[in-house]
Structures are given as C-alpha cells and as structure tokens.
PDB file of all heavy atoms in Angstrom:
ATOM      1  N   GLU A   1      28.185  16.154   5.757  1.00  0.00           N
ATOM      2  CA  GLU A   1      27.351  15.815   6.914  1.00  0.00           C
ATOM      3  C   GLU A   1      25.974  15.327   6.487  1.00  0.00           C
ATOM      4  O   GLU A   1      25.357  14.505   7.167  1.00  0.00           O
ATOM      5  CB  GLU A   1      27.232  17.042   7.824  1.00  0.00           C
ATOM      6  CG  GLU A   1      28.557  17.400   8.500  1.00  0.00           C
ATOM      7  CD  GLU A   1      28.479  18.717   9.265  1.00  0.00           C
ATOM      8  OE1 GLU A   1      27.506  19.471   9.040  1.00  0.00           O
ATOM      9  OE2 GLU A   1      29.386  18.986  10.054  1.00  0.00           O
ATOM     10  N   VAL A   2      25.490  15.812   5.344  1.00  0.00           N
ATOM     11  CA  VAL A   2      24.224  15.306   4.809  1.00  0.00           C
ATOM     12  C   VAL A   2      24.353  13.812   4.492  1.00  0.00           C
ATOM     13  O   VAL A   2      23.475  13.010   4.825  1.00  0.00           O
ATOM     14  CB  VAL A   2      23.812  16.083   3.542  1.00  0.00           C
ATOM     15  CG1 VAL A   2      22.615  15.396   2.867  1.00  0.00           C
ATOM     16  CG2 VAL A   2      23.453  17.514   3.896  1.00  0.00           C
ATOM     17  N   PHE A   3      25.462  13.425   3.869  1.00  0.00           N
ATOM     18  CA  PHE A   3      25.650  12.006   3.527  1.00  0.00           C
ATOM     19  C   PHE A   3      25.834  11.146   4.775  1.00  0.00           C
ATOM     20  O   PHE A   3      25.408   9.991   4.801  1.00  0.00           O
ATOM     21  CB  PHE A   3      26.832  11.849   2.573  1.00  0.00           C
ATOM     22  CG  PHE A   3      26.474  12.124   1.138  1.00  0.00           C
ATOM     23  CD1 PHE A   3      26.633  13.386   0.596  1.00  0.00           C
ATOM     24  CD2 PHE A   3      25.933  11.121   0.345  1.00  0.00           C
ATOM     25  CE1 PHE A   3      26.292  13.654  -0.713  1.00  0.00           C
ATOM     26  CE2 PHE A   3      25.588  11.375  -0.976  1.00  0.00           C
ATOM     27  CZ  PHE A   3      25.764  12.640  -1.508  1.00  0.00           C
ATOM     28  N   ILE A   4      26.470  11.686   5.791  1.00  0.00           N
ATOM     29  CA  ILE A   4      26.555  10.948   7.062  1.00  0.00           C
ATOM     30  C   ILE A   4      25.149  10.706   7.620  1.00  0.00           C
ATOM     31  O   ILE A   4      24.831   9.607   8.099  1.00  0.00           O
ATOM     32  CB  ILE A   4      27.418  11.728   8.081  1.00  0.00           C
ATOM     33  CG1 ILE A   4      28.879  11.769   7.618  1.00  0.00           C
ATOM     34  CG2 ILE A   4      27.303  11.112   9.472  1.00  0.00           C
ATOM     35  CD1 ILE A   4      29.772  12.651   8.457  1.00  0.00           C
ATOM     36  N   MET A   5      24.308  11.722   7.557  1.00  0.00           N
ATOM     37  CA  MET A   5      22.921  11.579   8.004  1.00  0.00           C
ATOM     38  C   MET A   5      22.206  10.470   7.232  1.00  0.00           C
ATOM     39  O   MET A   5      21.481   9.653   7.825  1.00  0.00           O
ATOM     40  CB  MET A   5      22.181  12.909   7.801  1.00  0.00           C
ATOM     41  CG  MET A   5      20.698  12.867   8.115  1.00  0.00           C
ATOM     42  SD  MET A   5      19.832  14.380   7.588  1.00  0.00           S
ATOM     43  CE  MET A   5      19.738  14.116   5.808  1.00  0.00           C
ATOM     44  N   LEU A   6      22.419  10.386   5.926  1.00  0.00           N
ATOM     45  CA  LEU A   6      21.761   9.374   5.111  1.00  0.00           C
ATOM     46  C   LEU A   6      22.258   7.965   5.452  1.00  0.00           C
ATOM     47  O   LEU A   6      21.476   7.009   5.491  1.00  0.00           O
ATOM     48  CB  LEU A   6      22.000   9.663   3.621  1.00  0.00           C
ATOM     49  CG  LEU A   6      21.470  11.012   3.099  1.00  0.00           C
ATOM     50  CD1 LEU A   6      21.765  11.157   1.614  1.00  0.00           C
ATOM     51  CD2 LEU A   6      19.975  11.131   3.357  1.00  0.00           C
ATOM     52  N   MET A   7      23.552   7.825   5.704  1.00  0.00           N
ATOM     53  CA  MET A   7      24.087   6.510   6.074  1.00  0.00           C
ATOM     54  C   MET A   7      23.588   6.055   7.435  1.00  0.00           C
ATOM     55  O   MET A   7      23.290   4.872   7.628  1.00  0.00           O
ATOM     56  CB  MET A   7      25.620   6.560   6.046  1.00  0.00           C
ATOM     57  CG  MET A   7      26.197   6.650   4.630  1.00  0.00           C
ATOM     58  SD  MET A   7      27.993   6.586   4.557  1.00  0.00           S
ATOM     59  CE  MET A   7      28.406   8.287   4.989  1.00  0.00           C
ATOM     60  N   VAL A   8      23.455   6.984   8.355  1.00  0.00           N
ATOM     61  CA  VAL A   8      22.881   6.657   9.669  1.00  0.00           C
ATOM     62  C   VAL A   8      21.428   6.218   9.520  1.00  0.00           C
ATOM     63  O   VAL A   8      20.971   5.273  10.173  1.00  0.00           O
ATOM     64  CB  VAL A   8      23.007   7.861  10.628  1.00  0.00           C
ATOM     65  CG1 VAL A   8      22.213   7.612  11.914  1.00  0.00           C
ATOM     66  CG2 VAL A   8      24.468   8.121  10.953  1.00  0.00           C
ATOM     67  N   ALA A   9      20.691   6.884   8.661  1.00  0.00           N
ATOM     68  CA  ALA A   9      19.295   6.515   8.418  1.00  0.00           C
ATOM     69  C   ALA A   9      19.193   5.084   7.883  1.00  0.00           C
ATOM     70  O   ALA A   9      18.314   4.316   8.290  1.00  0.00           O
ATOM     71  CB  ALA A   9      18.640   7.499   7.454  1.00  0.00           C
ATOM     72  N   ASP A  10      20.078   4.715   6.971  1.00  0.00           N
ATOM     73  CA  ASP A  10      20.084   3.351   6.449  1.00  0.00           C
ATOM     74  C   ASP A  10      20.390   2.337   7.540  1.00  0.00           C
ATOM     75  O   ASP A  10      19.830   1.227   7.567  1.00  0.00           O
ATOM     76  CB  ASP A  10      21.096   3.222   5.317  1.00  0.00           C
ATOM     77  CG  ASP A  10      20.472   3.456   3.948  1.00  0.00           C
ATOM     78  OD1 ASP A  10      19.231   3.428   3.849  1.00  0.00           O
ATOM     79  OD2 ASP A  10      21.217   3.691   2.982  1.00  0.00           O
ATOM     80  N   PHE A  11      21.279   2.699   8.452  1.00  0.00           N
ATOM     81  CA  PHE A  11      21.597   1.801   9.571  1.00  0.00           C
ATOM     82  C   PHE A  11      20.361   1.548  10.440  1.00  0.00           C
ATOM     83  O   PHE A  11      20.076   0.408  10.819  1.00  0.00           O
ATOM     84  CB  PHE A  11      22.722   2.396  10.413  1.00  0.00           C
ATOM     85  CG  PHE A  11      23.031   1.613  11.658  1.00  0.00           C
ATOM     86  CD1 PHE A  11      23.717   0.419  11.582  1.00  0.00           C
ATOM     87  CD2 PHE A  11      22.621   2.072  12.898  1.00  0.00           C
ATOM     88  CE1 PHE A  11      23.996  -0.318  12.730  1.00  0.00           C
ATOM     89  CE2 PHE A  11      22.894   1.352  14.054  1.00  0.00           C
ATOM     90  CZ  PHE A  11      23.587   0.158  13.971  1.00  0.00           C
ATOM     91  N   PHE A  12      19.613   2.597  10.720  1.00  0.00           N
ATOM     92  CA  PHE A  12      18.389   2.429  11.520  1.00  0.00           C
ATOM     93  C   PHE A  12      17.327   1.653  10.743  1.00  0.00           C
ATOM     94  O   PHE A  12      16.554   0.896  11.332  1.00  0.00           O
ATOM     95  CB  PHE A  12      17.852   3.788  11.960  1.00  0.00           C
ATOM     96  CG  PHE A  12      18.574   4.365  13.141  1.00  0.00           C
ATOM     97  CD1 PHE A  12      19.378   5.481  13.005  1.00  0.00           C
ATOM     98  CD2 PHE A  12      18.459   3.789  14.394  1.00  0.00           C
ATOM     99  CE1 PHE A  12      20.059   6.008  14.087  1.00  0.00           C
ATOM    100  CE2 PHE A  12      19.125   4.296  15.498  1.00  0.00           C
ATOM    101  CZ  PHE A  12      19.932   5.419  15.343  1.00  0.00           C
ATOM    102  N   ALA A  13      17.279   1.830   9.435  1.00  0.00           N
ATOM    103  CA  ALA A  13      16.341   1.034   8.621  1.00  0.00           C
ATOM    104  C   ALA A  13      16.641  -0.442   8.768  1.00  0.00           C
ATOM    105  O   ALA A  13      15.721  -1.272   8.844  1.00  0.00           O
ATOM    106  CB  ALA A  13      16.451   1.458   7.149  1.00  0.00           C
ATOM    107  N   LEU A  14      17.912  -0.765   8.805  1.00  0.00           N
ATOM    108  CA  LEU A  14      18.309  -2.167   8.995  1.00  0.00           C
ATOM    109  C   LEU A  14      17.893  -2.689  10.356  1.00  0.00           C
ATOM    110  O   LEU A  14      17.396  -3.820  10.478  1.00  0.00           O
ATOM    111  CB  LEU A  14      19.824  -2.282   8.809  1.00  0.00           C
ATOM    112  CG  LEU A  14      20.432  -3.668   8.857  1.00  0.00           C
ATOM    113  CD1 LEU A  14      19.906  -4.526   7.711  1.00  0.00           C
ATOM    114  CD2 LEU A  14      21.959  -3.572   8.786  1.00  0.00           C
ATOM    115  N   LEU A  15      18.061  -1.876  11.386  1.00  0.00           N
ATOM    116  CA  LEU A  15      17.694  -2.309  12.746  1.00  0.00           C
ATOM    117  C   LEU A  15      16.200  -2.618  12.857  1.00  0.00           C
ATOM    118  O   LEU A  15      15.806  -3.545  13.565  1.00  0.00           O
ATOM    119  CB  LEU A  15      18.081  -1.228  13.751  1.00  0.00           C
ATOM    120  CG  LEU A  15      19.556  -1.043  14.056  1.00  0.00           C
ATOM    121  CD1 LEU A  15      19.739   0.031  15.118  1.00  0.00           C
ATOM    122  CD2 LEU A  15      20.193  -2.353  14.526  1.00  0.00           C
ATOM    123  N   THR A  16      15.366  -1.844  12.184  1.00  0.00           N
ATOM    124  CA  THR A  16      13.916  -2.050  12.307  1.00  0.00           C
ATOM    125  C   THR A  16      13.476  -3.407  11.770  1.00  0.00           C
ATOM    126  O   THR A  16      12.402  -3.889  12.145  1.00  0.00           O
ATOM    127  CB  THR A  16      13.142  -0.954  11.560  1.00  0.00           C
ATOM    128  OG1 THR A  16      13.458  -1.006  10.164  1.00  0.00           O
ATOM    129  CG2 THR A  16      13.480   0.425  12.100  1.00  0.00           C
ATOM    130  N   LEU A  17      14.289  -4.007  10.916  1.00  0.00           N
ATOM    131  CA  LEU A  17      13.915  -5.305  10.326  1.00  0.00           C
ATOM    132  C   LEU A  17      14.467  -6.483  11.100  1.00  0.00           C
ATOM    133  O   LEU A  17      14.296  -7.634  10.687  1.00  0.00           O
ATOM    134  CB  LEU A  17      14.420  -5.382   8.879  1.00  0.00           C
ATOM    135  CG  LEU A  17      13.796  -4.420   7.863  1.00  0.00           C
ATOM    136  CD1 LEU A  17      14.463  -4.581   6.504  1.00  0.00           C
ATOM    137  CD2 LEU A  17      12.298  -4.662   7.739  1.00  0.00           C
ATOM    138  N   SER A  18      15.142  -6.243  12.225  1.00  0.00           N
ATOM    139  CA  SER A  18      15.865  -7.308  12.918  1.00  0.00           C
ATOM    140  C   SER A  18      14.963  -8.478  13.309  1.00  0.00           C
ATOM    141  O   SER A  18      15.318  -9.640  13.133  1.00  0.00           O
ATOM    142  CB  SER A  18      16.578  -6.743  14.153  1.00  0.00           C
ATOM    143  OG  SER A  18      15.658  -6.091  15.008  1.00  0.00           O
ATOM    144  N   ARG A  19      13.760  -8.206  13.834  1.00  0.00           N
ATOM    145  CA  ARG A  19      12.869  -9.302  14.246  1.00  0.00           C
ATOM    146  C   ARG A  19      12.395 -10.091  13.042  1.00  0.00           C
ATOM    147  O   ARG A  19      12.361 -11.331  13.060  1.00  0.00           O
ATOM    148  CB  ARG A  19      11.662  -8.756  15.015  1.00  0.00           C
ATOM    149  CG  ARG A  19      10.796  -9.848  15.642  1.00  0.00           C
ATOM    150  CD  ARG A  19       9.597  -9.254  16.358  1.00  0.00           C
ATOM    151  NE  ARG A  19       8.612  -8.732  15.420  1.00  0.00           N
ATOM    152  CZ  ARG A  19       7.659  -9.487  14.858  1.00  0.00           C
ATOM    153  NH1 ARG A  19       7.577 -10.781  15.146  1.00  0.00           N
ATOM    154  NH2 ARG A  19       6.793  -8.946  14.035  1.00  0.00           N
ATOM    155  N   LEU A  20      12.011  -9.400  11.968  1.00  0.00           N
ATOM    156  CA  LEU A  20      11.574 -10.090  10.765  1.00  0.00           C
ATOM    157  C   LEU A  20      12.702 -10.877  10.125  1.00  0.00           C
ATOM    158  O   LEU A  20      12.481 -11.975   9.591  1.00  0.00           O
ATOM    159  CB  LEU A  20      11.013  -9.084   9.751  1.00  0.00           C
ATOM    160  CG  LEU A  20       9.755  -8.315  10.181  1.00  0.00           C
ATOM    161  CD1 LEU A  20       9.327  -7.359   9.070  1.00  0.00           C
ATOM    162  CD2 LEU A  20       8.619  -9.266  10.512  1.00  0.00           C
ATOM    163  N   LEU A  21      13.925 -10.339  10.182  1.00  0.00           N
ATOM    164  CA  LEU A  21      15.075 -11.072   9.649  1.00  0.00           C
ATOM    165  C   LEU A  21      15.287 -12.374  10.394  1.00  0.00           C
ATOM    166  O   LEU A  21      15.519 -13.426   9.784  1.00  0.00           O
ATOM    167  CB  LEU A  21      16.334 -10.197   9.753  1.00  0.00           C
ATOM    168  CG  LEU A  21      16.455  -9.028   8.780  1.00  0.00           C
ATOM    169  CD1 LEU A  21      17.647  -8.153   9.141  1.00  0.00           C
ATOM    170  CD2 LEU A  21      16.601  -9.532   7.353  1.00  0.00           C
ATOM    171  N   LYS A  22      15.191 -12.315  11.718  1.00  0.00           N
ATOM    172  CA  LYS A  22      15.366 -13.514  12.525  1.00  0.00           C
ATOM    173  C   LYS A  22      14.300 -14.556  12.184  1.00  0.00           C
ATOM    174  O   LYS A  22      14.605 -15.741  12.006  1.00  0.00           O
ATOM    175  CB  LYS A  22      15.290 -13.149  14.005  1.00  0.00           C
ATOM    176  CG  LYS A  22      15.439 -14.343  14.942  1.00  0.00           C
ATOM    177  CD  LYS A  22      15.339 -13.911  16.390  1.00  0.00           C
ATOM    178  CE  LYS A  22      15.434 -15.108  17.318  1.00  0.00           C
ATOM    179  NZ  LYS A  22      15.305 -14.708  18.759  1.00  0.00           N
ATOM    180  N   ASN A  23      13.055 -14.109  12.052  1.00  0.00           N
ATOM    181  CA  ASN A  23      11.971 -15.046  11.733  1.00  0.00           C
ATOM    182  C   ASN A  23      12.157 -15.664  10.356  1.00  0.00           C
ATOM    183  O   ASN A  23      11.937 -16.876  10.167  1.00  0.00           O
ATOM    184  CB  ASN A  23      10.615 -14.327  11.799  1.00  0.00           C
ATOM    185  CG  ASN A  23      10.243 -13.914  13.202  1.00  0.00           C
ATOM    186  OD1 ASN A  23      10.796 -14.431  14.179  1.00  0.00           O
ATOM    187  ND2 ASN A  23       9.327 -12.971  13.327  1.00  0.00           N
ATOM    188  N   GLU A  24      12.554 -14.848   9.361  1.00  0.00           N
ATOM    189  CA  GLU A  24      12.735 -15.385   8.017  1.00  0.00           C
ATOM    190  C   GLU A  24      13.897 -16.365   7.942  1.00  0.00           C
ATOM    191  O   GLU A  24      13.805 -17.402   7.271  1.00  0.00           O
ATOM    192  CB  GLU A  24      12.950 -14.236   7.019  1.00  0.00           C
ATOM    193  CG  GLU A  24      11.683 -13.486   6.660  1.00  0.00           C
ATOM    194  CD  GLU A  24      11.858 -12.543   5.493  1.00  0.00           C
ATOM    195  OE1 GLU A  24      13.003 -12.385   5.015  1.00  0.00           O
ATOM    196  OE2 GLU A  24      10.848 -11.968   5.056  1.00  0.00           O
ATOM    197  N   VAL A  25      14.997 -16.049   8.619  1.00  0.00           N
ATOM    198  CA  VAL A  25      16.147 -16.956   8.615  1.00  0.00           C
ATOM    199  C   VAL A  25      15.793 -18.271   9.279  1.00  0.00           C
ATOM    200  O   VAL A  25      16.140 -19.354   8.782  1.00  0.00           O
ATOM    201  CB  VAL A  25      17.349 -16.291   9.306  1.00  0.00           C
ATOM    202  CG1 VAL A  25      18.475 -17.305   9.516  1.00  0.00           C
ATOM    203  CG2 VAL A  25      17.858 -15.111   8.485  1.00  0.00           C
ATOM    204  N   ASN A  26      15.098 -18.213  10.415  1.00  0.00           N
ATOM    205  CA  ASN A  26      14.690 -19.444  11.106  1.00  0.00           C
ATOM    206  C   ASN A  26      13.752 -20.270  10.240  1.00  0.00           C
ATOM    207  O   ASN A  26      13.872 -21.492  10.160  1.00  0.00           O
ATOM    208  CB  ASN A  26      14.023 -19.104  12.431  1.00  0.00           C
ATOM    209  CG  ASN A  26      14.992 -18.566  13.458  1.00  0.00           C
ATOM    210  OD1 ASN A  26      16.216 -18.783  13.346  1.00  0.00           O
ATOM    211  ND2 ASN A  26      14.495 -17.849  14.449  1.00  0.00           N
ATOM    212  N   LYS A  27      12.803 -19.610   9.595  1.00  0.00           N
ATOM    213  CA  LYS A  27      11.854 -20.316   8.747  1.00  0.00           C
ATOM    214  C   LYS A  27      12.563 -20.953   7.560  1.00  0.00           C
ATOM    215  O   LYS A  27      12.288 -22.103   7.185  1.00  0.00           O
ATOM    216  CB  LYS A  27      10.780 -19.358   8.255  1.00  0.00           C
ATOM    217  CG  LYS A  27       9.694 -19.995   7.416  1.00  0.00           C
ATOM    218  CD  LYS A  27       8.651 -18.966   6.991  1.00  0.00           C
ATOM    219  CE  LYS A  27       7.583 -19.609   6.113  1.00  0.00           C
ATOM    220  NZ  LYS A  27       6.553 -18.602   5.689  1.00  0.00           N
ATOM    221  N   PHE A  28      13.499 -20.221   6.972  1.00  0.00           N
ATOM    222  CA  PHE A  28      14.252 -20.752   5.829  1.00  0.00           C
ATOM    223  C   PHE A  28      15.107 -21.937   6.248  1.00  0.00           C
ATOM    224  O   PHE A  28      15.191 -22.950   5.537  1.00  0.00           O
ATOM    225  CB  PHE A  28      15.137 -19.641   5.256  1.00  0.00           C
ATOM    226  CG  PHE A  28      15.939 -20.063   4.060  1.00  0.00           C
ATOM    227  CD1 PHE A  28      15.339 -20.241   2.822  1.00  0.00           C
ATOM    228  CD2 PHE A  28      17.316 -20.295   4.173  1.00  0.00           C
ATOM    229  CE1 PHE A  28      16.076 -20.629   1.708  1.00  0.00           C
ATOM    230  CE2 PHE A  28      18.057 -20.688   3.071  1.00  0.00           C
ATOM    231  CZ  PHE A  28      17.433 -20.854   1.841  1.00  0.00           C
ATOM    232  N   SER A  29      15.728 -21.853   7.429  1.00  0.00           N
ATOM    233  CA  SER A  29      16.560 -22.946   7.928  1.00  0.00           C
ATOM    234  C   SER A  29      15.736 -24.191   8.179  1.00  0.00           C
ATOM    235  O   SER A  29      16.141 -25.311   7.833  1.00  0.00           O
ATOM    236  CB  SER A  29      17.284 -22.522   9.218  1.00  0.00           C
ATOM    237  OG  SER A  29      18.116 -21.413   8.988  1.00  0.00           O
ATOM    238  N   ARG A  30      14.546 -24.009   8.763  1.00  0.00           N
ATOM    239  CA  ARG A  30      13.682 -25.169   9.024  1.00  0.00           C
ATOM    240  C   ARG A  30      13.230 -25.815   7.731  1.00  0.00           C
ATOM    241  O   ARG A  30      13.152 -27.044   7.617  1.00  0.00           O
ATOM    242  CB  ARG A  30      12.465 -24.732   9.848  1.00  0.00           C
ATOM    243  CG  ARG A  30      12.785 -24.399  11.301  1.00  0.00           C
ATOM    244  CD  ARG A  30      11.510 -24.338  12.134  1.00  0.00           C
ATOM    245  NE  ARG A  30      10.596 -23.322  11.644  1.00  0.00           N
ATOM    246  CZ  ARG A  30      10.585 -22.072  12.064  1.00  0.00           C
ATOM    247  NH1 ARG A  30      11.460 -21.664  13.000  1.00  0.00           N
ATOM    248  NH2 ARG A  30       9.717 -21.194  11.603  1.00  0.00           N
ATOM    249  N   SER A  31      12.935 -24.995   6.716  1.00  0.00           N
ATOM    250  CA  SER A  31      12.478 -25.563   5.448  1.00  0.00           C
ATOM    251  C   SER A  31      13.604 -26.338   4.763  1.00  0.00           C
ATOM    252  O   SER A  31      13.357 -27.374   4.140  1.00  0.00           O
ATOM    253  CB  SER A  31      11.971 -24.441   4.527  1.00  0.00           C
ATOM    254  OG  SER A  31      13.011 -23.587   4.150  1.00  0.00           O
ATOM    255  N   ARG A  32      14.848 -25.860   4.887  1.00  0.00           N
ATOM    256  CA  ARG A  32      15.966 -26.579   4.293  1.00  0.00           C
ATOM    257  C   ARG A  32      16.199 -27.911   4.998  1.00  0.00           C
ATOM    258  O   ARG A  32      16.437 -28.926   4.351  1.00  0.00           O
ATOM    259  CB  ARG A  32      17.233 -25.710   4.377  1.00  0.00           C
ATOM    260  CG  ARG A  32      17.202 -24.463   3.530  1.00  0.00           C
ATOM    261  CD  ARG A  32      17.176 -24.791   2.047  1.00  0.00           C
ATOM    262  NE  ARG A  32      18.370 -25.495   1.636  1.00  0.00           N
ATOM    263  CZ  ARG A  32      19.501 -24.878   1.225  1.00  0.00           C
ATOM    264  NH1 ARG A  32      19.542 -23.554   1.176  1.00  0.00           N
ATOM    265  NH2 ARG A  32      20.546 -25.576   0.851  1.00  0.00           N
ATOM    266  N   VAL A  33      16.126 -27.890   6.341  1.00  0.00           N
ATOM    267  CA  VAL A  33      16.309 -29.121   7.110  1.00  0.00           C
ATOM    268  C   VAL A  33      15.219 -30.124   6.752  1.00  0.00           C
ATOM    269  O   VAL A  33      15.484 -31.307   6.549  1.00  0.00           O
ATOM    270  CB  VAL A  33      16.309 -28.829   8.623  1.00  0.00           C
ATOM    271  CG1 VAL A  33      16.279 -30.132   9.418  1.00  0.00           C
ATOM    272  CG2 VAL A  33      17.535 -28.004   8.988  1.00  0.00           C
TER     273      VAL A  33
END
C-alpha cells in the first residue's frame, strides 16, 4: 500500500505540469513549423 501511495503521488505530479506541458508542446510545434 505504501508503493500504491507513491505511484498515485507520481500521477498527481504529472497532472500539475499539464498547463506547462501544453505550452511547451505548442511552442515547440510553432518553432518547428
């Protein structure tokens, strides 16, 4: 159950970056175009 707790924590860590991920992907796509 401790390891389940740690995996859930990593999932939430990923969610917190969602806005920055979107911005970085969009910026990278524009630079490639």
